[in-house]
Amino acid sequence: MSKILIRGARILGGEPQDVLIDGETVAEVGTGLDAEGATVIEAEGQILL
C-alpha cells in the first residue's frame, strides 16, 4: 500500500503536526515523523480536518 505523509498541518486548528497515512489508515500523528517511502505533502499553514 502507498504511504502519504502530511507535514506541518494544524489538526482542527491545534499545533502543527505530521500525519502518516498508510493505505486507508492513519498510522501515526506527531512531529518529525519519518517519511521513508512516503509521498510527502507540505501542509504548513493549512488546517487538516
N, C-alpha and C. Protein backbone atom coordinates (compact mmCIF):
# COMPACT_ATOMS: atom_id res chain seq x y z
N MET A 1 0.84 -1.18 0.00
CA MET A 1 0.00 0.00 0.00
C MET A 1 0.88 1.24 0.00
N SER A 2 0.33 2.32 -0.47
CA SER A 2 1.10 3.56 -0.52
C SER A 2 1.00 4.31 0.80
N LYS A 3 2.06 5.06 1.09
CA LYS A 3 2.10 5.88 2.29
C LYS A 3 2.11 7.35 1.88
N ILE A 4 1.42 8.17 2.66
CA ILE A 4 1.39 9.61 2.45
C ILE A 4 1.73 10.26 3.79
N LEU A 5 2.67 11.20 3.77
CA LEU A 5 3.00 11.96 4.97
C LEU A 5 2.57 13.40 4.75
N ILE A 6 1.62 13.86 5.55
CA ILE A 6 1.17 15.25 5.51
C ILE A 6 1.96 15.95 6.60
N ARG A 7 2.79 16.91 6.20
CA ARG A 7 3.72 17.52 7.14
C ARG A 7 3.30 18.95 7.50
N GLY A 8 3.22 19.23 8.81
CA GLY A 8 3.03 20.58 9.30
C GLY A 8 1.62 21.12 9.30
N ALA A 9 0.61 20.27 9.15
CA ALA A 9 -0.78 20.73 9.15
C ALA A 9 -1.27 20.95 10.57
N ARG A 10 -2.20 21.86 10.73
CA ARG A 10 -2.84 22.08 12.04
C ARG A 10 -4.11 21.23 12.06
N ILE A 11 -4.14 20.23 12.94
CA ILE A 11 -5.29 19.35 13.03
C ILE A 11 -6.38 20.07 13.82
N LEU A 12 -7.47 20.39 13.14
CA LEU A 12 -8.58 21.14 13.73
C LEU A 12 -8.11 22.40 14.45
N GLY A 13 -7.10 23.07 13.87
CA GLY A 13 -6.64 24.35 14.38
C GLY A 13 -5.66 24.27 15.53
N GLY A 14 -5.22 23.08 15.91
CA GLY A 14 -4.25 22.93 17.00
C GLY A 14 -2.84 23.26 16.54
N GLU A 15 -1.87 22.73 17.24
CA GLU A 15 -0.47 22.94 16.89
C GLU A 15 -0.11 22.14 15.63
N PRO A 16 0.88 22.61 14.86
CA PRO A 16 1.29 21.88 13.65
C PRO A 16 1.75 20.45 13.98
N GLN A 17 1.28 19.50 13.20
CA GLN A 17 1.60 18.09 13.39
C GLN A 17 1.86 17.46 12.02
N ASP A 18 2.52 16.32 12.04
CA ASP A 18 2.66 15.49 10.85
C ASP A 18 1.66 14.34 10.98
N VAL A 19 1.11 13.90 9.85
CA VAL A 19 0.16 12.78 9.85
C VAL A 19 0.64 11.78 8.80
N LEU A 20 0.90 10.56 9.22
CA LEU A 20 1.31 9.49 8.31
C LEU A 20 0.11 8.62 8.02
N ILE A 21 -0.23 8.49 6.74
CA ILE A 21 -1.35 7.66 6.30
C ILE A 21 -0.76 6.48 5.54
N ASP A 22 -1.13 5.29 5.95
CA ASP A 22 -0.66 4.06 5.31
C ASP A 22 -1.87 3.35 4.72
N GLY A 23 -1.99 3.42 3.40
CA GLY A 23 -3.18 2.88 2.74
C GLY A 23 -4.38 3.74 3.08
N GLU A 24 -5.35 3.17 3.79
CA GLU A 24 -6.55 3.90 4.19
C GLU A 24 -6.57 4.17 5.70
N THR A 25 -5.43 3.99 6.36
CA THR A 25 -5.35 4.09 7.81
C THR A 25 -4.44 5.23 8.25
N VAL A 26 -4.88 6.02 9.22
CA VAL A 26 -3.99 6.99 9.85
C VAL A 26 -3.08 6.18 10.77
N ALA A 27 -1.80 6.07 10.38
CA ALA A 27 -0.87 5.21 11.09
C ALA A 27 -0.20 5.90 12.27
N GLU A 28 0.04 7.22 12.14
CA GLU A 28 0.76 7.92 13.20
C GLU A 28 0.52 9.42 13.09
N VAL A 29 0.48 10.08 14.23
CA VAL A 29 0.35 11.54 14.30
C VAL A 29 1.41 12.02 15.27
N GLY A 30 2.17 13.04 14.88
CA GLY A 30 3.20 13.58 15.75
C GLY A 30 4.05 14.59 15.00
N THR A 31 5.19 14.94 15.55
CA THR A 31 6.10 15.86 14.88
C THR A 31 7.36 15.11 14.48
N GLY A 32 7.94 15.51 13.36
CA GLY A 32 9.19 14.91 12.89
C GLY A 32 9.06 13.46 12.48
N LEU A 33 7.91 13.07 11.94
CA LEU A 33 7.71 11.67 11.53
C LEU A 33 8.60 11.33 10.34
N ASP A 34 8.99 10.05 10.26
CA ASP A 34 9.83 9.55 9.18
C ASP A 34 9.02 9.41 7.90
N ALA A 35 9.57 9.95 6.80
CA ALA A 35 8.86 9.93 5.52
C ALA A 35 9.41 8.89 4.56
N GLU A 36 10.21 7.95 5.05
CA GLU A 36 10.84 6.97 4.17
C GLU A 36 9.79 6.21 3.36
N GLY A 37 9.89 6.32 2.04
CA GLY A 37 8.99 5.62 1.14
C GLY A 37 7.62 6.26 0.99
N ALA A 38 7.40 7.41 1.63
CA ALA A 38 6.09 8.05 1.58
C ALA A 38 6.10 9.24 0.63
N THR A 39 4.95 9.51 0.03
CA THR A 39 4.74 10.74 -0.70
C THR A 39 4.52 11.83 0.34
N VAL A 40 5.27 12.93 0.26
CA VAL A 40 5.19 13.99 1.26
C VAL A 40 4.37 15.15 0.73
N ILE A 41 3.41 15.57 1.53
CA ILE A 41 2.61 16.76 1.21
C ILE A 41 2.96 17.81 2.26
N GLU A 42 3.55 18.92 1.83
CA GLU A 42 3.88 20.01 2.74
C GLU A 42 2.61 20.82 2.97
N ALA A 43 2.12 20.85 4.21
CA ALA A 43 0.84 21.48 4.50
C ALA A 43 0.97 22.59 5.55
N GLU A 44 2.15 23.17 5.66
CA GLU A 44 2.37 24.24 6.64
C GLU A 44 1.35 25.36 6.44
N GLY A 45 0.70 25.77 7.52
CA GLY A 45 -0.29 26.83 7.46
C GLY A 45 -1.68 26.37 7.06
N GLN A 46 -1.85 25.08 6.80
CA GLN A 46 -3.15 24.54 6.40
C GLN A 46 -3.81 23.84 7.59
N ILE A 47 -5.12 23.73 7.55
CA ILE A 47 -5.88 23.02 8.58
C ILE A 47 -6.30 21.66 8.03
N LEU A 48 -6.08 20.62 8.81
CA LEU A 48 -6.44 19.26 8.41
C LEU A 48 -7.65 18.83 9.22
N LEU A 49 -8.72 18.47 8.52
CA LEU A 49 -9.95 18.03 9.20
C LEU A 49 -10.04 16.52 9.20
